[in-house]
Protein backbone atom coordinates (compact mmCIF):
# COMPACT_ATOMS: atom_id res chain seq x y z
CA MET A 1 34.21 26.26 -26.66
CA SER A 2 36.32 26.42 -29.79
CA ILE A 3 35.92 27.19 -33.36
CA ALA A 4 33.46 24.99 -34.87
CA SER A 5 35.07 22.48 -37.68
CA THR A 6 32.76 22.41 -40.41
CA PRO A 7 32.49 20.42 -43.63
CA PRO A 8 33.54 22.21 -46.95
CA PRO A 9 30.89 24.71 -47.89
CA PRO A 10 27.97 24.91 -48.67
CA TYR A 11 26.27 24.86 -45.66
CA TYR A 12 23.99 27.07 -43.36
CA ALA A 13 24.79 29.28 -40.49
CA VAL A 14 22.18 30.38 -38.38
CA ILE A 15 23.22 33.69 -36.21
CA PHE A 16 21.23 34.18 -33.02
CA THR A 17 22.06 37.61 -31.59
CA SER A 18 20.53 38.60 -28.07
CA ILE A 19 20.51 40.99 -25.44
CA LYS A 20 19.49 39.50 -22.11
CA LYS A 21 17.46 41.06 -19.38
CA GLU A 22 18.98 41.86 -16.02
CA HIS A 23 17.57 39.06 -14.12
CA THR A 24 17.52 35.58 -16.07
CA PRO A 25 16.90 32.65 -13.59
CA GLY A 26 17.53 29.30 -15.28
CA TYR A 27 18.96 30.67 -18.35
CA THR A 28 22.35 29.25 -18.01
CA SER A 29 21.05 25.61 -17.32
CA MET A 30 18.73 26.03 -20.21
CA ALA A 31 21.43 27.19 -22.77
CA GLU A 32 23.42 24.41 -21.78
CA LYS A 33 20.67 21.79 -22.20
CA MET A 34 19.93 23.55 -25.78
CA LEU A 35 23.50 23.05 -26.82
CA GLU A 36 23.55 19.50 -25.91
CA LEU A 37 20.22 18.73 -27.54
CA ALA A 38 21.29 20.80 -30.65
CA ALA A 39 24.36 18.67 -31.19
CA GLU A 40 22.23 15.48 -31.25
CA GLN A 41 20.15 16.40 -33.98
CA PRO A 42 20.30 15.59 -37.81
CA GLY A 43 22.17 18.00 -39.65
CA PHE A 44 23.88 19.59 -36.90
CA LEU A 45 27.67 20.80 -37.78
CA GLY A 46 28.61 22.69 -35.06
CA VAL A 47 28.22 25.95 -32.56
CA GLU A 48 30.29 28.82 -31.74
CA SER A 49 29.04 31.40 -28.91
CA VAL A 50 30.19 34.23 -27.15
CA ARG A 51 28.39 36.69 -24.58
CA GLN A 52 29.33 39.95 -23.52
CA ASP A 53 26.79 42.63 -23.47
CA ILE A 54 25.58 41.36 -26.56
CA GLY A 55 25.42 37.42 -27.05
CA ILE A 56 26.25 35.91 -30.63
CA THR A 57 25.72 31.95 -31.23
CA ILE A 58 26.17 30.62 -34.72
CA SER A 59 25.07 27.13 -35.16
CA TYR A 60 25.88 25.52 -38.61
CA TRP A 61 23.55 23.06 -40.44
CA ASP A 62 23.53 21.02 -43.37
CA SER A 63 20.19 22.11 -44.91
CA MET A 64 17.32 24.29 -44.50
CA TYR A 65 15.27 21.36 -43.72
CA SER A 66 17.71 20.30 -40.49
CA ILE A 67 17.11 24.08 -39.42
CA LYS A 68 13.55 23.90 -39.58
CA LEU A 69 13.41 20.55 -37.67
CA TRP A 70 15.48 22.32 -34.89
CA LYS A 71 13.19 24.99 -34.73
CA GLU A 72 10.23 23.00 -34.14
CA ASN A 73 11.86 20.72 -31.59
CA ALA A 74 9.62 20.59 -28.80
CA ALA A 75 12.14 21.32 -26.05
CA HIS A 76 13.79 23.96 -28.30
CA LEU A 77 10.11 25.43 -28.60
CA THR A 78 9.81 25.42 -24.74
CA ALA A 79 13.25 27.26 -24.47
CA GLN A 80 12.03 29.89 -27.25
CA GLU A 81 9.23 30.59 -25.17
CA HIS A 82 10.99 30.86 -22.18
CA GLY A 83 13.37 33.37 -23.68
CA LYS A 84 10.70 35.55 -25.10
CA LEU A 85 8.95 35.79 -21.65
CA GLN A 86 11.88 35.75 -19.29
CA TRP A 87 15.46 36.11 -20.48
CA TYR A 88 15.60 38.41 -23.40
CA ALA A 89 15.13 42.21 -23.96
CA HIS A 90 15.61 41.42 -27.71
CA TYR A 91 17.08 39.19 -30.29
CA THR A 92 17.59 38.62 -33.82
CA VAL A 93 18.08 35.37 -35.92
CA ARG A 94 19.79 35.61 -39.17
CA ILE A 95 19.79 32.31 -41.66
CA CYS A 96 22.89 32.66 -44.02
CA LEU A 97 24.38 30.07 -46.81
CA VAL A 98 27.93 30.05 -46.13
CA GLN A 99 29.58 29.43 -49.73
CA LYS A 100 33.18 30.03 -48.92
CA GLU A 101 35.42 29.60 -46.06
CA TYR A 102 38.91 29.75 -45.14
CA SER A 103 41.11 29.66 -42.21
CA PHE A 104 44.40 30.40 -40.30
């Protein structure tokens, strides 16, 4: 995993912050599938993810419409349901407009 290479702003960031349950069978393989599938979606710009006690995944998109299509993707809906029922004790999704960026 590396820092996502994004185009010049503006674009959108979806920040998914989560706390997993102790026992999460199937989580890792589903997470890998979702990353691969997201990368194939129109408007996807990149992703960054870390997991310690709290997981943070930030995906970057070109528009709110692209985010909406990803949220409604059938395989993603299945993963979301598994997440609610099996894997997450808590999660929060935040959607932000990136207006400025700079790097070192």
